[in-house]
Amino acid sequence: MSHAYYPTGTPRMNHVAVSLDAGLLDEPGRADLCGFWGEVFGFEELEEMTIDRKRLVLSCVHWDQFVFLIADDDPMRCPRLDHFGFSVGSLDELRGVRDRAASYLERDPRVDLIDLVVDDQEVVKIHSIYVGYVLPMMCEIQWWEFPT
């Protein structure tokens, strides 16, 4: 189904930009960020975009979806549950992210994990988890179940 404003298809969110303290974007900080977001979510650094202590761009599985991390003297601060979100295609994929985050938490106490909850709206059940790591915002992962 097309929309009058977007006859070529539904627009997709393609990035979120977050400001951080420059110290989090130095070589060890980038290694931590790339390690976590890579191992848990499968995100990869777009190395050609990296500028030491200034910028890190993490591709979210595809080059046109990314998390853009930028240094700022007044970095973002927000409440714990402020977040950006992704949806996945199955409950197993959602549980996979959760399990990888829980495993990472065993090695790094900076992981913040809110385990699986289900919001049952009768026509749809929204299964979700929240995962945080170093960034001021958490990431919510959802799987939408449509009962038959």
Protein backbone atom coordinates (compact mmCIF):
# COMPACT_ATOMS: atom_id res chain seq x y z
CA MET A 1 0.00 0.00 0.00
CA SER A 2 1.47 3.35 -0.96
CA HIS A 3 1.07 6.72 0.65
CA ALA A 4 0.37 9.85 -1.38
CA TYR A 5 3.53 11.50 -0.03
CA TYR A 6 5.74 8.44 -0.67
CA PRO A 7 4.63 6.65 -3.84
CA THR A 8 7.91 4.69 -4.07
CA GLY A 9 7.38 3.03 -0.69
CA THR A 10 7.22 3.49 3.05
CA PRO A 11 9.98 5.75 4.41
CA ARG A 12 12.35 4.00 6.81
CA MET A 13 14.20 5.54 9.69
CA ASN A 14 17.81 5.30 8.72
CA HIS A 15 19.79 6.63 11.68
CA VAL A 16 19.91 7.97 15.18
CA ALA A 17 22.54 10.53 16.21
CA VAL A 18 23.84 10.66 19.78
CA SER A 19 26.39 13.05 21.25
CA LEU A 20 28.99 11.67 23.65
CA ASP A 21 31.96 12.91 25.63
CA ALA A 22 35.03 12.79 23.36
CA GLY A 23 36.75 10.42 25.80
CA LEU A 24 34.25 7.70 24.87
CA LEU A 25 35.33 8.00 21.23
CA ASP A 26 39.05 7.50 21.73
CA GLU A 27 40.62 4.21 20.61
CA PRO A 28 39.80 2.20 23.78
CA GLY A 29 36.31 3.69 23.96
CA ARG A 30 35.59 2.86 20.33
CA ALA A 31 36.88 -0.68 20.90
CA ASP A 32 34.42 -1.08 23.79
CA LEU A 33 31.52 0.32 21.78
CA CYS A 34 32.33 -1.73 18.68
CA GLY A 35 32.85 -4.84 20.79
CA PHE A 36 29.49 -4.64 22.53
CA TRP A 37 27.30 -3.41 19.67
CA GLY A 38 29.00 -5.83 17.31
CA GLU A 39 28.78 -8.94 19.48
CA VAL A 40 25.25 -8.31 20.76
CA PHE A 41 23.54 -6.66 17.76
CA GLY A 42 25.79 -7.42 14.78
CA PHE A 43 26.54 -3.73 14.18
CA GLU A 44 29.81 -2.85 12.44
CA GLU A 45 32.00 0.23 12.47
CA LEU A 46 32.04 2.17 9.21
CA GLU A 47 35.79 2.72 9.54
CA GLU A 48 35.98 5.28 6.74
CA MET A 49 33.72 7.51 8.83
CA THR A 50 35.70 7.24 12.09
CA ILE A 51 37.54 10.29 13.39
CA ASP A 52 39.44 9.69 16.63
CA ARG A 53 37.74 11.37 19.61
CA LYS A 54 35.18 12.98 17.25
CA ARG A 55 33.00 10.44 15.43
CA LEU A 56 32.04 6.77 15.25
CA VAL A 57 29.37 5.41 12.92
CA LEU A 58 27.97 1.93 13.56
CA SER A 59 26.16 0.28 10.68
CA CYS A 60 23.04 -1.49 11.90
CA VAL A 61 23.45 -4.60 9.74
CA HIS A 62 22.95 -2.57 6.53
CA TRP A 63 24.94 0.50 5.43
CA ASP A 64 21.86 2.75 5.18
CA GLN A 65 20.81 2.19 8.80
CA PHE A 66 23.27 3.41 11.39
CA VAL A 67 23.98 4.88 14.80
CA PHE A 68 25.93 8.12 14.44
CA LEU A 69 28.02 8.91 17.53
CA ILE A 70 29.52 12.38 17.69
CA ALA A 71 31.68 14.09 20.31
CA ASP A 72 30.29 17.19 21.96
CA ASP A 73 31.37 19.38 24.87
CA ASP A 74 27.79 19.14 26.15
CA PRO A 75 26.91 15.48 25.45
CA MET A 76 23.42 14.04 25.48
CA ARG A 77 21.88 13.14 28.83
CA CYS A 78 18.52 11.51 29.18
CA PRO A 79 16.39 9.36 31.48
CA ARG A 80 17.12 5.64 31.52
CA LEU A 81 14.17 4.61 29.36
CA ASP A 82 14.74 7.10 26.54
CA HIS A 83 15.60 4.85 23.62
CA PHE A 84 15.76 4.12 19.93
CA GLY A 85 14.19 0.96 18.59
CA PHE A 86 14.46 -1.90 16.16
CA SER A 87 12.05 -4.65 15.24
CA VAL A 88 13.06 -8.20 14.42
CA GLY A 89 11.30 -10.92 12.46
CA SER A 90 10.94 -13.59 15.13
CA LEU A 91 10.79 -14.24 18.84
CA ASP A 92 13.94 -16.37 18.51
CA GLU A 93 15.83 -13.36 17.07
CA LEU A 94 14.63 -11.22 19.97
CA ARG A 95 15.70 -13.84 22.48
CA GLY A 96 19.05 -14.09 20.72
CA VAL A 97 19.75 -10.39 21.31
CA ARG A 98 18.66 -10.80 24.93
CA ASP A 99 20.86 -13.84 25.47
CA ARG A 100 23.92 -12.19 23.90
CA ALA A 101 23.38 -9.07 26.06
CA ALA A 102 23.02 -11.21 29.19
CA SER A 103 26.23 -13.04 28.32
CA TYR A 104 28.05 -9.73 27.78
CA LEU A 105 26.76 -8.48 31.13
CA GLU A 106 28.61 -11.34 32.82
CA ARG A 107 31.87 -9.75 31.55
CA ASP A 108 30.97 -6.06 31.63
CA PRO A 109 28.74 -4.49 34.32
CA ARG A 110 28.05 -1.47 32.10
CA VAL A 111 25.40 -3.51 30.25
CA ASP A 112 21.87 -2.50 31.27
CA LEU A 113 19.30 -5.16 30.37
CA ILE A 114 15.55 -5.03 30.89
CA ASP A 115 14.37 -8.55 30.15
CA LEU A 116 11.54 -9.68 27.95
CA VAL A 117 8.07 -8.24 28.53
CA VAL A 118 4.91 -8.70 26.49
CA ASP A 119 2.39 -5.91 25.92
CA ASP A 120 -0.78 -7.77 24.94
CA GLN A 121 -3.08 -5.50 22.93
CA GLU A 122 -5.29 -8.44 21.84
CA VAL A 123 -4.85 -7.72 18.11
CA VAL A 124 -1.07 -7.69 18.58
CA LYS A 125 1.32 -8.84 21.28
CA ILE A 126 4.46 -6.69 21.37
CA HIS A 127 7.39 -8.62 22.83
CA SER A 128 10.30 -6.36 23.80
CA ILE A 129 13.58 -5.98 25.64
CA TYR A 130 15.70 -2.92 26.40
CA VAL A 131 19.47 -2.98 26.20
CA GLY A 132 21.85 -0.22 27.18
CA TYR A 133 25.60 0.09 26.95
CA VAL A 134 27.64 3.29 27.46
CA LEU A 135 25.32 5.42 25.28
CA PRO A 136 22.90 7.76 27.06
CA MET A 137 19.94 6.05 25.34
CA MET A 138 18.92 2.42 25.50
CA CYS A 139 17.93 0.32 22.51
CA GLU A 140 14.54 -1.39 22.48
CA ILE A 141 14.13 -4.50 20.36
CA GLN A 142 10.58 -5.59 19.52
CA TRP A 143 8.89 -8.53 17.87
CA TRP A 144 5.23 -8.12 16.98
CA GLU A 145 3.08 -11.23 17.25
CA PHE A 146 -0.27 -11.17 15.47
CA PRO A 147 -2.56 -13.83 16.99
CA THR A 148 -4.52 -15.78 14.40
